[in-house]
């Protein structure tokens, strides 16, 4: 017979694995359905928690998109979310800061104004 504590531990472990697999399937289904726009894909890549950096070509495309108000708002929302998020995801925070630096240097005056408005740049 299983002890209740051992059974609960086994169920928790199984639930964690099942939840992880469900999240992976959801991501794959979204990618297959191509619900993600090229802008959203670039923004996700530029601010991911992956071990590798983001290509400058992706940052350049984001800088071009940042010329429009709609995309600037999405960039700022993602930046604030990442900077205020889980500190254990330090790669995401670092990549967000790198993206913002690139945008300040290459994205035109409106992105710097937007950052000042969000009080990220003083």
Foldseek 3Di string as FASTA:
>chain_A
DDDPVRVVVVVVVVVVVVVVVVVVVVVVVCVVVVPADLLNVLLCQLQDLDPDHHDVVSLLVLLVVCVDPVSLVVLVVLLVCQCPDDVVSVSSPVSNVVSLVSNVVRNDDVSVVVCVVVVVHD
